[in-house]
Amino acid sequence: MPGRLIGIVIGIGVLVAFISLNLRNVCDISFGFFTLTGIPVFLTILASFALGLIAALPTVFAAWLYAHRLSKQLSMDSRPEKRTAAAQKKQKRNTVKDHQFDEKDFGID
C-alpha cells in the first residue's frame, strides 16, 4: 500500500513538472475545417493519451468478455453432468495413466 502511494505521488510530481516546464510552449492544431491556435503542448499530449486509452477500451472489453465466456465454458465442461460420454472416458483414462507412475519415476530405466 505505501509503495503504491509513493508511486502515485511520484507520477503526479512528474506530471506537474512536465506541465510547468511546457506552459509557454504552444502549438496549432488543425482539424481540416478549422484550426485551434495557441494550445499548450501538454494539453495536446495529455489529450492524445486520453484518446488513445478511449480507443483501446473496445479491444480490452472484447478480450475481457472472451476470457469471461471461456472460463464460464470451461467451468461448465468440468461439471460431470454436462460432460459427454467420450469426455468422461477420456477423463478416466487420464486419471488411470497418472496413477501408474510414482513421483520418483522419471521414465529413465
PDB file of N, CA and C in Angstrom:
ATOM      1  N   MET A   1       0.811  -1.201   0.000  1.00  0.00           N
ATOM      2  CA  MET A   1       0.000   0.000   0.000  1.00  0.00           C
ATOM      3  C   MET A   1       0.854   1.266   0.000  1.00  0.00           C
ATOM      4  N   PRO A   2       1.862   1.384   0.891  1.00  0.00           N
ATOM      5  CA  PRO A   2       2.692   2.596   0.856  1.00  0.00           C
ATOM      6  C   PRO A   2       3.464   2.737  -0.455  1.00  0.00           C
ATOM      7  N   GLY A   3       3.879   1.610  -1.040  1.00  0.00           N
ATOM      8  CA  GLY A   3       4.597   1.678  -2.309  1.00  0.00           C
ATOM      9  C   GLY A   3       3.739   2.225  -3.428  1.00  0.00           C
ATOM     10  N   ARG A   4       2.480   1.833  -3.417  1.00  0.00           N
ATOM     11  CA  ARG A   4       1.562   2.341  -4.442  1.00  0.00           C
ATOM     12  C   ARG A   4       1.327   3.837  -4.248  1.00  0.00           C
ATOM     13  N   LEU A   5       1.189   4.291  -3.002  1.00  0.00           N
ATOM     14  CA  LEU A   5       1.003   5.704  -2.707  1.00  0.00           C
ATOM     15  C   LEU A   5       2.222   6.509  -3.139  1.00  0.00           C
ATOM     16  N   ILE A   6       3.404   5.986  -2.865  1.00  0.00           N
ATOM     17  CA  ILE A   6       4.634   6.671  -3.275  1.00  0.00           C
ATOM     18  C   ILE A   6       4.708   6.755  -4.798  1.00  0.00           C
ATOM     19  N   GLY A   7       4.312   5.677  -5.481  1.00  0.00           N
ATOM     20  CA  GLY A   7       4.302   5.697  -6.946  1.00  0.00           C
ATOM     21  C   GLY A   7       3.337   6.732  -7.503  1.00  0.00           C
ATOM     22  N   ILE A   8       2.166   6.860  -6.900  1.00  0.00           N
ATOM     23  CA  ILE A   8       1.192   7.860  -7.355  1.00  0.00           C
ATOM     24  C   ILE A   8       1.727   9.268  -7.130  1.00  0.00           C
ATOM     25  N   VAL A   9       2.345   9.505  -5.963  1.00  0.00           N
ATOM     26  CA  VAL A   9       2.901  10.831  -5.668  1.00  0.00           C
ATOM     27  C   VAL A   9       4.014  11.171  -6.653  1.00  0.00           C
ATOM     28  N   ILE A  10       4.875  10.207  -6.955  1.00  0.00           N
ATOM     29  CA  ILE A  10       5.960  10.451  -7.919  1.00  0.00           C
ATOM     30  C   ILE A  10       5.386  10.709  -9.306  1.00  0.00           C
ATOM     31  N   GLY A  11       4.381   9.943  -9.702  1.00  0.00           N
ATOM     32  CA  GLY A  11       3.744  10.163 -11.004  1.00  0.00           C
ATOM     33  C   GLY A  11       3.113  11.533 -11.121  1.00  0.00           C
ATOM     34  N   ILE A  12       2.421  11.975 -10.084  1.00  0.00           N
ATOM     35  CA  ILE A  12       1.811  13.310 -10.106  1.00  0.00           C
ATOM     36  C   ILE A  12       2.897  14.376 -10.130  1.00  0.00           C
ATOM     37  N   GLY A  13       3.983  14.145  -9.397  1.00  0.00           N
ATOM     38  CA  GLY A  13       5.092  15.101  -9.408  1.00  0.00           C
ATOM     39  C   GLY A  13       5.710  15.246 -10.786  1.00  0.00           C
ATOM     40  N   VAL A  14       5.906  14.126 -11.477  1.00  0.00           N
ATOM     41  CA  VAL A  14       6.454  14.171 -12.841  1.00  0.00           C
ATOM     42  C   VAL A  14       5.477  14.894 -13.779  1.00  0.00           C
ATOM     43  N   LEU A  15       4.195  14.634 -13.631  1.00  0.00           N
ATOM     44  CA  LEU A  15       3.191  15.287 -14.467  1.00  0.00           C
ATOM     45  C   LEU A  15       3.165  16.798 -14.233  1.00  0.00           C
ATOM     46  N   VAL A  16       3.224  17.221 -12.977  1.00  0.00           N
ATOM     47  CA  VAL A  16       3.227  18.660 -12.661  1.00  0.00           C
ATOM     48  C   VAL A  16       4.506  19.311 -13.192  1.00  0.00           C
ATOM     49  N   ALA A  17       5.649  18.635 -13.058  1.00  0.00           N
ATOM     50  CA  ALA A  17       6.902  19.178 -13.586  1.00  0.00           C
ATOM     51  C   ALA A  17       6.831  19.316 -15.101  1.00  0.00           C
ATOM     52  N   PHE A  18       6.269  18.321 -15.783  1.00  0.00           N
ATOM     53  CA  PHE A  18       6.125  18.389 -17.235  1.00  0.00           C
ATOM     54  C   PHE A  18       5.230  19.547 -17.644  1.00  0.00           C
ATOM     55  N   ILE A  19       4.124  19.722 -16.940  1.00  0.00           N
ATOM     56  CA  ILE A  19       3.195  20.814 -17.269  1.00  0.00           C
ATOM     57  C   ILE A  19       3.854  22.165 -17.018  1.00  0.00           C
ATOM     58  N   SER A  20       4.540  22.300 -15.889  1.00  0.00           N
ATOM     59  CA  SER A  20       5.152  23.598 -15.578  1.00  0.00           C
ATOM     60  C   SER A  20       6.272  23.953 -16.542  1.00  0.00           C
ATOM     61  N   LEU A  21       6.997  22.951 -17.041  1.00  0.00           N
ATOM     62  CA  LEU A  21       8.073  23.235 -17.989  1.00  0.00           C
ATOM     63  C   LEU A  21       7.551  23.560 -19.388  1.00  0.00           C
ATOM     64  N   ASN A  22       6.321  23.165 -19.704  1.00  0.00           N
ATOM     65  CA  ASN A  22       5.784  23.383 -21.039  1.00  0.00           C
ATOM     66  C   ASN A  22       4.611  24.359 -21.073  1.00  0.00           C
ATOM     67  N   LEU A  23       4.488  25.222 -20.075  1.00  0.00           N
ATOM     68  CA  LEU A  23       3.369  26.160 -20.062  1.00  0.00           C
ATOM     69  C   LEU A  23       3.446  27.163 -21.209  1.00  0.00           C
ATOM     70  N   ARG A  24       4.620  27.584 -21.542  1.00  0.00           N
ATOM     71  CA  ARG A  24       4.758  28.610 -22.585  1.00  0.00           C
ATOM     72  C   ARG A  24       4.914  28.013 -23.985  1.00  0.00           C
ATOM     73  N   ASN A  25       5.097  26.710 -24.084  1.00  0.00           N
ATOM     74  CA  ASN A  25       5.184  26.069 -25.407  1.00  0.00           C
ATOM     75  C   ASN A  25       3.772  25.855 -25.925  1.00  0.00           C
ATOM     76  N   VAL A  26       3.477  26.485 -27.042  1.00  0.00           N
ATOM     77  CA  VAL A  26       2.136  26.369 -27.625  1.00  0.00           C
ATOM     78  C   VAL A  26       2.252  25.841 -29.037  1.00  0.00           C
ATOM     79  N   CYS A  27       1.153  25.287 -29.541  1.00  0.00           N
ATOM     80  CA  CYS A  27       1.128  24.779 -30.903  1.00  0.00           C
ATOM     81  C   CYS A  27      -0.254  25.035 -31.501  1.00  0.00           C
ATOM     82  N   ASP A  28      -0.339  24.878 -32.799  1.00  0.00           N
ATOM     83  CA  ASP A  28      -1.609  24.998 -33.505  1.00  0.00           C
ATOM     84  C   ASP A  28      -2.074  23.601 -33.904  1.00  0.00           C
ATOM     85  N   ILE A  29      -3.364  23.349 -33.707  1.00  0.00           N
ATOM     86  CA  ILE A  29      -3.933  22.056 -34.065  1.00  0.00           C
ATOM     87  C   ILE A  29      -4.948  22.283 -35.176  1.00  0.00           C
ATOM     88  N   SER A  30      -4.725  21.615 -36.314  1.00  0.00           N
ATOM     89  CA  SER A  30      -5.621  21.766 -37.457  1.00  0.00           C
ATOM     90  C   SER A  30      -6.480  20.520 -37.600  1.00  0.00           C
ATOM     91  N   PHE A  31      -7.787  20.707 -37.686  1.00  0.00           N
ATOM     92  CA  PHE A  31      -8.732  19.611 -37.899  1.00  0.00           C
ATOM     93  C   PHE A  31      -9.232  19.561 -39.339  1.00  0.00           C
ATOM     94  N   GLY A  32      -8.646  20.328 -40.204  1.00  0.00           N
ATOM     95  CA  GLY A  32      -9.047  20.354 -41.606  1.00  0.00           C
ATOM     96  C   GLY A  32      -9.987  21.507 -41.891  1.00  0.00           C
ATOM     97  N   PHE A  33     -11.093  21.588 -41.157  1.00  0.00           N
ATOM     98  CA  PHE A  33     -12.062  22.648 -41.391  1.00  0.00           C
ATOM     99  C   PHE A  33     -11.790  23.883 -40.535  1.00  0.00           C
ATOM    100  N   PHE A  34     -11.181  23.687 -39.396  1.00  0.00           N
ATOM    101  CA  PHE A  34     -10.837  24.809 -38.526  1.00  0.00           C
ATOM    102  C   PHE A  34      -9.540  24.495 -37.803  1.00  0.00           C
ATOM    103  N   THR A  35      -8.918  25.543 -37.267  1.00  0.00           N
ATOM    104  CA  THR A  35      -7.635  25.411 -36.594  1.00  0.00           C
ATOM    105  C   THR A  35      -7.730  26.025 -35.205  1.00  0.00           C
ATOM    106  N   LEU A  36      -7.224  25.289 -34.233  1.00  0.00           N
ATOM    107  CA  LEU A  36      -7.109  25.817 -32.879  1.00  0.00           C
ATOM    108  C   LEU A  36      -5.696  26.380 -32.729  1.00  0.00           C
ATOM    109  N   THR A  37      -5.594  27.619 -32.305  1.00  0.00           N
ATOM    110  CA  THR A  37      -4.276  28.238 -32.178  1.00  0.00           C
ATOM    111  C   THR A  37      -3.964  28.484 -30.704  1.00  0.00           C
ATOM    112  N   GLY A  38      -2.687  28.417 -30.395  1.00  0.00           N
ATOM    113  CA  GLY A  38      -2.215  28.725 -29.047  1.00  0.00           C
ATOM    114  C   GLY A  38      -2.571  27.670 -28.013  1.00  0.00           C
ATOM    115  N   ILE A  39      -2.651  26.416 -28.411  1.00  0.00           N
ATOM    116  CA  ILE A  39      -2.944  25.330 -27.469  1.00  0.00           C
ATOM    117  C   ILE A  39      -1.632  24.900 -26.816  1.00  0.00           C
ATOM    118  N   PRO A  40      -1.577  24.837 -25.476  1.00  0.00           N
ATOM    119  CA  PRO A  40      -0.340  24.390 -24.808  1.00  0.00           C
ATOM    120  C   PRO A  40       0.004  22.944 -25.202  1.00  0.00           C
ATOM    121  N   VAL A  41       1.291  22.676 -25.289  1.00  0.00           N
ATOM    122  CA  VAL A  41       1.770  21.369 -25.728  1.00  0.00           C
ATOM    123  C   VAL A  41       1.325  20.266 -24.764  1.00  0.00           C
ATOM    124  N   PHE A  42       1.347  20.542 -23.459  1.00  0.00           N
ATOM    125  CA  PHE A  42       0.984  19.497 -22.506  1.00  0.00           C
ATOM    126  C   PHE A  42      -0.474  19.078 -22.672  1.00  0.00           C
ATOM    127  N   LEU A  43      -1.348  20.012 -23.055  1.00  0.00           N
ATOM    128  CA  LEU A  43      -2.746  19.631 -23.298  1.00  0.00           C
ATOM    129  C   LEU A  43      -2.860  18.733 -24.523  1.00  0.00           C
ATOM    130  N   THR A  44      -2.070  19.009 -25.545  1.00  0.00           N
ATOM    131  CA  THR A  44      -2.079  18.178 -26.739  1.00  0.00           C
ATOM    132  C   THR A  44      -1.632  16.759 -26.412  1.00  0.00           C
ATOM    133  N   ILE A  45      -0.569  16.644 -25.636  1.00  0.00           N
ATOM    134  CA  ILE A  45      -0.044  15.324 -25.291  1.00  0.00           C
ATOM    135  C   ILE A  45      -1.014  14.571 -24.386  1.00  0.00           C
ATOM    136  N   LEU A  46      -1.543  15.231 -23.370  1.00  0.00           N
ATOM    137  CA  LEU A  46      -2.486  14.566 -22.465  1.00  0.00           C
ATOM    138  C   LEU A  46      -3.758  14.152 -23.200  1.00  0.00           C
ATOM    139  N   ALA A  47      -4.229  15.005 -24.108  1.00  0.00           N
ATOM    140  CA  ALA A  47      -5.421  14.651 -24.880  1.00  0.00           C
ATOM    141  C   ALA A  47      -5.140  13.463 -25.795  1.00  0.00           C
ATOM    142  N   SER A  48      -3.941  13.394 -26.357  1.00  0.00           N
ATOM    143  CA  SER A  48      -3.580  12.262 -27.212  1.00  0.00           C
ATOM    144  C   SER A  48      -3.574  10.953 -26.425  1.00  0.00           C
ATOM    145  N   PHE A  49      -2.999  10.974 -25.238  1.00  0.00           N
ATOM    146  CA  PHE A  49      -3.007   9.772 -24.404  1.00  0.00           C
ATOM    147  C   PHE A  49      -4.418   9.376 -23.997  1.00  0.00           C
ATOM    148  N   ALA A  50      -5.229  10.366 -23.634  1.00  0.00           N
ATOM    149  CA  ALA A  50      -6.606  10.067 -23.220  1.00  0.00           C
ATOM    150  C   ALA A  50      -7.405   9.476 -24.374  1.00  0.00           C
ATOM    151  N   LEU A  51      -7.255  10.036 -25.569  1.00  0.00           N
ATOM    152  CA  LEU A  51      -7.968   9.497 -26.726  1.00  0.00           C
ATOM    153  C   LEU A  51      -7.467   8.098 -27.081  1.00  0.00           C
ATOM    154  N   GLY A  52      -6.178   7.845 -26.892  1.00  0.00           N
ATOM    155  CA  GLY A  52      -5.645   6.504 -27.127  1.00  0.00           C
ATOM    156  C   GLY A  52      -6.229   5.489 -26.159  1.00  0.00           C
ATOM    157  N   LEU A  53      -6.362   5.877 -24.889  1.00  0.00           N
ATOM    158  CA  LEU A  53      -6.974   4.980 -23.904  1.00  0.00           C
ATOM    159  C   LEU A  53      -8.437   4.704 -24.234  1.00  0.00           C
ATOM    160  N   ILE A  54      -9.150   5.725 -24.642  1.00  0.00           N
ATOM    161  CA  ILE A  54     -10.562   5.547 -25.006  1.00  0.00           C
ATOM    162  C   ILE A  54     -10.688   4.654 -26.238  1.00  0.00           C
ATOM    163  N   ALA A  55      -9.781   4.826 -27.197  1.00  0.00           N
ATOM    164  CA  ALA A  55      -9.819   3.996 -28.405  1.00  0.00           C
ATOM    165  C   ALA A  55      -9.495   2.535 -28.103  1.00  0.00           C
ATOM    166  N   ALA A  56      -8.706   2.280 -27.059  1.00  0.00           N
ATOM    167  CA  ALA A  56      -8.330   0.911 -26.708  1.00  0.00           C
ATOM    168  C   ALA A  56      -9.400   0.203 -25.879  1.00  0.00           C
ATOM    169  N   LEU A  57     -10.346   0.932 -25.315  1.00  0.00           N
ATOM    170  CA  LEU A  57     -11.359   0.325 -24.455  1.00  0.00           C
ATOM    171  C   LEU A  57     -12.182  -0.769 -25.139  1.00  0.00           C
ATOM    172  N   PRO A  58     -12.644  -0.609 -26.380  1.00  0.00           N
ATOM    173  CA  PRO A  58     -13.395  -1.712 -27.002  1.00  0.00           C
ATOM    174  C   PRO A  58     -12.585  -2.995 -27.127  1.00  0.00           C
ATOM    175  N   THR A  59     -11.305  -2.890 -27.427  1.00  0.00           N
ATOM    176  CA  THR A  59     -10.462  -4.070 -27.545  1.00  0.00           C
ATOM    177  C   THR A  59     -10.284  -4.746 -26.188  1.00  0.00           C
ATOM    178  N   VAL A  60     -10.044  -3.965 -25.161  1.00  0.00           N
ATOM    179  CA  VAL A  60      -9.874  -4.516 -23.819  1.00  0.00           C
ATOM    180  C   VAL A  60     -11.170  -5.165 -23.348  1.00  0.00           C
ATOM    181  N   PHE A  61     -12.297  -4.501 -23.598  1.00  0.00           N
ATOM    182  CA  PHE A  61     -13.585  -5.050 -23.184  1.00  0.00           C
ATOM    183  C   PHE A  61     -13.885  -6.348 -23.932  1.00  0.00           C
ATOM    184  N   ALA A  62     -13.574  -6.398 -25.232  1.00  0.00           N
ATOM    185  CA  ALA A  62     -13.810  -7.618 -26.005  1.00  0.00           C
ATOM    186  C   ALA A  62     -12.940  -8.762 -25.494  1.00  0.00           C
ATOM    187  N   ALA A  63     -11.684  -8.483 -25.158  1.00  0.00           N
ATOM    188  CA  ALA A  63     -10.801  -9.523 -24.624  1.00  0.00           C
ATOM    189  C   ALA A  63     -11.296 -10.005 -23.265  1.00  0.00           C
ATOM    190  N   TRP A  64     -11.775  -9.087 -22.426  1.00  0.00           N
ATOM    191  CA  TRP A  64     -12.309  -9.470 -21.118  1.00  0.00           C
ATOM    192  C   TRP A  64     -13.553 -10.334 -21.289  1.00  0.00           C
ATOM    193  N   LEU A  65     -14.415  -9.941 -22.217  1.00  0.00           N
ATOM    194  CA  LEU A  65     -15.643 -10.704 -22.455  1.00  0.00           C
ATOM    195  C   LEU A  65     -15.319 -12.097 -22.978  1.00  0.00           C
ATOM    196  N   TYR A  66     -14.336 -12.212 -23.876  1.00  0.00           N
ATOM    197  CA  TYR A  66     -13.918 -13.506 -24.404  1.00  0.00           C
ATOM    198  C   TYR A  66     -13.377 -14.391 -23.285  1.00  0.00           C
ATOM    199  N   ALA A  67     -12.524 -13.828 -22.422  1.00  0.00           N
ATOM    200  CA  ALA A  67     -11.955 -14.602 -21.321  1.00  0.00           C
ATOM    201  C   ALA A  67     -13.045 -15.027 -20.339  1.00  0.00           C
ATOM    202  N   HIS A  68     -14.012 -14.158 -20.100  1.00  0.00           N
ATOM    203  CA  HIS A  68     -15.108 -14.488 -19.188  1.00  0.00           C
ATOM    204  C   HIS A  68     -15.950 -15.628 -19.743  1.00  0.00           C
ATOM    205  N   ARG A  69     -16.262 -15.549 -21.034  1.00  0.00           N
ATOM    206  CA  ARG A  69     -17.050 -16.621 -21.663  1.00  0.00           C
ATOM    207  C   ARG A  69     -16.281 -17.930 -21.695  1.00  0.00           C
ATOM    208  N   LEU A  70     -14.972 -17.855 -21.956  1.00  0.00           N
ATOM    209  CA  LEU A  70     -14.145 -19.056 -21.994  1.00  0.00           C
ATOM    210  C   LEU A  70     -14.069 -19.709 -20.618  1.00  0.00           C
ATOM    211  N   SER A  71     -13.880 -18.923 -19.586  1.00  0.00           N
ATOM    212  CA  SER A  71     -13.819 -19.504 -18.239  1.00  0.00           C
ATOM    213  C   SER A  71     -15.171 -20.076 -17.830  1.00  0.00           C
ATOM    214  N   LYS A  72     -16.238 -19.437 -18.254  1.00  0.00           N
ATOM    215  CA  LYS A  72     -17.573 -19.953 -17.957  1.00  0.00           C
ATOM    216  C   LYS A  72     -17.800 -21.285 -18.676  1.00  0.00           C
ATOM    217  N   GLN A  73     -17.341 -21.368 -19.930  1.00  0.00           N
ATOM    218  CA  GLN A  73     -17.488 -22.604 -20.699  1.00  0.00           C
ATOM    219  C   GLN A  73     -16.642 -23.718 -20.083  1.00  0.00           C
ATOM    220  N   LEU A  74     -15.427 -23.392 -19.650  1.00  0.00           N
ATOM    221  CA  LEU A  74     -14.571 -24.396 -19.036  1.00  0.00           C
ATOM    222  C   LEU A  74     -15.157 -24.893 -17.715  1.00  0.00           C
ATOM    223  N   SER A  75     -15.774 -24.000 -16.966  1.00  0.00           N
ATOM    224  CA  SER A  75     -16.385 -24.439 -15.710  1.00  0.00           C
ATOM    225  C   SER A  75     -17.615 -25.302 -15.976  1.00  0.00           C
ATOM    226  N   MET A  76     -18.329 -25.039 -17.069  1.00  0.00           N
ATOM    227  CA  MET A  76     -19.479 -25.875 -17.440  1.00  0.00           C
ATOM    228  C   MET A  76     -19.003 -27.254 -17.906  1.00  0.00           C
ATOM    229  N   ASP A  77     -17.870 -27.306 -18.610  1.00  0.00           N
ATOM    230  CA  ASP A  77     -17.347 -28.578 -19.103  1.00  0.00           C
ATOM    231  C   ASP A  77     -16.797 -29.439 -17.975  1.00  0.00           C
ATOM    232  N   SER A  78     -16.379 -28.834 -16.880  1.00  0.00           N
ATOM    233  CA  SER A  78     -15.798 -29.612 -15.798  1.00  0.00           C
ATOM    234  C   SER A  78     -16.861 -30.263 -14.921  1.00  0.00           C
ATOM    235  N   ARG A  79     -18.102 -29.828 -15.050  1.00  0.00           N
ATOM    236  CA  ARG A  79     -19.171 -30.462 -14.271  1.00  0.00           C
ATOM    237  C   ARG A  79     -19.500 -31.811 -14.881  1.00  0.00           C
ATOM    238  N   PRO A  80     -19.612 -32.867 -14.069  1.00  0.00           N
ATOM    239  CA  PRO A  80     -19.796 -34.220 -14.604  1.00  0.00           C
ATOM    240  C   PRO A  80     -21.131 -34.412 -15.329  1.00  0.00           C
ATOM    241  N   GLU A  81     -22.191 -33.749 -14.911  1.00  0.00           N
ATOM    242  CA  GLU A  81     -23.481 -33.979 -15.557  1.00  0.00           C
ATOM    243  C   GLU A  81     -23.566 -33.338 -16.938  1.00  0.00           C
ATOM    244  N   LYS A  82     -22.688 -32.401 -17.233  1.00  0.00           N
ATOM    245  CA  LYS A  82     -22.722 -31.729 -18.526  1.00  0.00           C
ATOM    246  C   LYS A  82     -21.736 -32.317 -19.535  1.00  0.00           C
ATOM    247  N   ARG A  83     -20.827 -33.198 -19.083  1.00  0.00           N
ATOM    248  CA  ARG A  83     -19.831 -33.752 -19.994  1.00  0.00           C
ATOM    249  C   ARG A  83     -20.424 -34.879 -20.822  1.00  0.00           C
ATOM    250  N   THR A  84     -19.865 -35.055 -22.003  1.00  0.00           N
ATOM    251  CA  THR A  84     -20.295 -36.156 -22.853  1.00  0.00           C
ATOM    252  C   THR A  84     -19.647 -37.443 -22.385  1.00  0.00           C
ATOM    253  N   ALA A  85     -20.121 -38.561 -22.904  1.00  0.00           N
ATOM    254  CA  ALA A  85     -19.577 -39.860 -22.518  1.00  0.00           C
ATOM    255  C   ALA A  85     -18.112 -39.977 -22.950  1.00  0.00           C
ATOM    256  N   ALA A  86     -17.770 -39.445 -24.132  1.00  0.00           N
ATOM    257  CA  ALA A  86     -16.386 -39.508 -24.607  1.00  0.00           C
ATOM    258  C   ALA A  86     -15.469 -38.694 -23.704  1.00  0.00           C
ATOM    259  N   ALA A  87     -15.938 -37.550 -23.257  1.00  0.00           N
ATOM    260  CA  ALA A  87     -15.117 -36.718 -22.377  1.00  0.00           C
ATOM    261  C   ALA A  87     -14.924 -37.391 -21.025  1.00  0.00           C
ATOM    262  N   GLN A  88     -15.956 -38.103 -20.548  1.00  0.00           N
ATOM    263  CA  GLN A  88     -15.828 -38.803 -19.280  1.00  0.00           C
ATOM    264  C   GLN A  88     -14.853 -39.966 -19.390  1.00  0.00           C
ATOM    265  N   LYS A  89     -14.876 -40.699 -20.536  1.00  0.00           N
ATOM    266  CA  LYS A  89     -13.932 -41.795 -20.729  1.00  0.00           C
ATOM    267  C   LYS A  89     -12.501 -41.269 -20.796  1.00  0.00           C
ATOM    268  N   LYS A  90     -12.330 -40.153 -21.497  1.00  0.00           N
ATOM    269  CA  LYS A  90     -11.004 -39.557 -21.615  1.00  0.00           C
ATOM    270  C   LYS A  90     -10.500 -39.124 -20.239  1.00  0.00           C
ATOM    271  N   GLN A  91     -11.380 -38.569 -19.440  1.00  0.00           N
ATOM    272  CA  GLN A  91     -11.003 -38.157 -18.093  1.00  0.00           C
ATOM    273  C   GLN A  91     -10.581 -39.372 -17.269  1.00  0.00           C
ATOM    274  N   LYS A  92     -11.312 -40.480 -17.392  1.00  0.00           N
ATOM    275  CA  LYS A  92     -10.969 -41.685 -16.644  1.00  0.00           C
ATOM    276  C   LYS A  92      -9.630 -42.246 -17.100  1.00  0.00           C
ATOM    277  N   ARG A  93      -9.382 -42.241 -18.428  1.00  0.00           N
ATOM    278  CA  ARG A  93      -8.112 -42.760 -18.942  1.00  0.00           C
ATOM    279  C   ARG A  93      -6.948 -41.929 -18.431  1.00  0.00           C
ATOM    280  N   ASN A  94      -7.106 -40.622 -18.406  1.00  0.00           N
ATOM    281  CA  ASN A  94      -6.022 -39.757 -17.943  1.00  0.00           C
ATOM    282  C   ASN A  94      -5.726 -39.960 -16.474  1.00  0.00           C
ATOM    283  N   THR A  95      -6.761 -40.170 -15.669  1.00  0.00           N
ATOM    284  CA  THR A  95      -6.508 -40.359 -14.243  1.00  0.00           C
ATOM    285  C   THR A  95      -5.834 -41.699 -13.989  1.00  0.00           C
ATOM    286  N   VAL A  96      -6.189 -42.735 -14.750  1.00  0.00           N
ATOM    287  CA  VAL A  96      -5.540 -44.035 -14.581  1.00  0.00           C
ATOM    288  C   VAL A  96      -4.087 -43.935 -14.992  1.00  0.00           C
ATOM    289  N   LYS A  97      -3.791 -43.259 -16.087  1.00  0.00           N
ATOM    290  CA  LYS A  97      -2.421 -43.088 -16.548  1.00  0.00           C
ATOM    291  C   LYS A  97      -1.581 -42.334 -15.532  1.00  0.00           C
ATOM    292  N   ASP A  98      -2.158 -41.322 -14.933  1.00  0.00           N
ATOM    293  CA  ASP A  98      -1.412 -40.519 -13.979  1.00  0.00           C
ATOM    294  C   ASP A  98      -1.027 -41.317 -12.742  1.00  0.00           C
ATOM    295  N   HIS A  99      -1.839 -42.292 -12.365  1.00  0.00           N
ATOM    296  CA  HIS A  99      -1.564 -43.056 -11.159  1.00  0.00           C
ATOM    297  C   HIS A  99      -0.628 -44.229 -11.416  1.00  0.00           C
ATOM    298  N   GLN A 100      -0.293 -44.521 -12.660  1.00  0.00           N
ATOM    299  CA  GLN A 100       0.601 -45.647 -12.946  1.00  0.00           C
ATOM    300  C   GLN A 100       2.045 -45.315 -12.600  1.00  0.00           C
ATOM    301  N   PHE A 101       2.400 -44.051 -12.587  1.00  0.00           N
ATOM    302  CA  PHE A 101       3.764 -43.644 -12.303  1.00  0.00           C
ATOM    303  C   PHE A 101       3.834 -43.039 -10.910  1.00  0.00           C
ATOM    304  N   ASP A 102       4.857 -43.408 -10.184  1.00  0.00           N
ATOM    305  CA  ASP A 102       5.025 -42.753  -8.896  1.00  0.00           C
ATOM    306  C   ASP A 102       5.828 -41.477  -9.105  1.00  0.00           C
ATOM    307  N   GLU A 103       5.988 -40.709  -8.060  1.00  0.00           N
ATOM    308  CA  GLU A 103       6.641 -39.413  -8.195  1.00  0.00           C
ATOM    309  C   GLU A 103       8.123 -39.524  -8.513  1.00  0.00           C
ATOM    310  N   LYS A 104       8.772 -40.664  -8.164  1.00  0.00           N
ATOM    311  CA  LYS A 104      10.205 -40.791  -8.364  1.00  0.00           C
ATOM    312  C   LYS A 104      10.561 -41.354  -9.718  1.00  0.00           C
ATOM    313  N   ASP A 105       9.592 -41.800 -10.492  1.00  0.00           N
ATOM    314  CA  ASP A 105       9.863 -42.384 -11.800  1.00  0.00           C
ATOM    315  C   ASP A 105       9.875 -41.291 -12.849  1.00  0.00           C
ATOM    316  N   PHE A 106      11.028 -41.081 -13.466  1.00  0.00           N
ATOM    317  CA  PHE A 106      11.145 -40.064 -14.486  1.00  0.00           C
ATOM    318  C   PHE A 106      11.187 -40.653 -15.891  1.00  0.00           C
ATOM    319  N   GLY A 107      10.916 -41.904 -16.043  1.00  0.00           N
ATOM    320  CA  GLY A 107      10.928 -42.546 -17.351  1.00  0.00           C
ATOM    321  C   GLY A 107      12.304 -42.986 -17.797  1.00  0.00           C
ATOM    322  N   ILE A 108      13.277 -42.941 -16.910  1.00  0.00           N
ATOM    323  CA  ILE A 108      14.639 -43.350 -17.243  1.00  0.00           C
ATOM    324  C   ILE A 108      14.877 -44.709 -16.618  1.00  0.00           C
ATOM    325  N   ASP A 109      15.235 -45.701 -17.457  1.00  0.00           N
ATOM    326  CA  ASP A 109      15.469 -47.058 -16.950  1.00  0.00           C
ATOM    327  C   ASP A 109      16.937 -47.324 -16.745  1.00  0.00           C
TER     328      ASP A 109
END
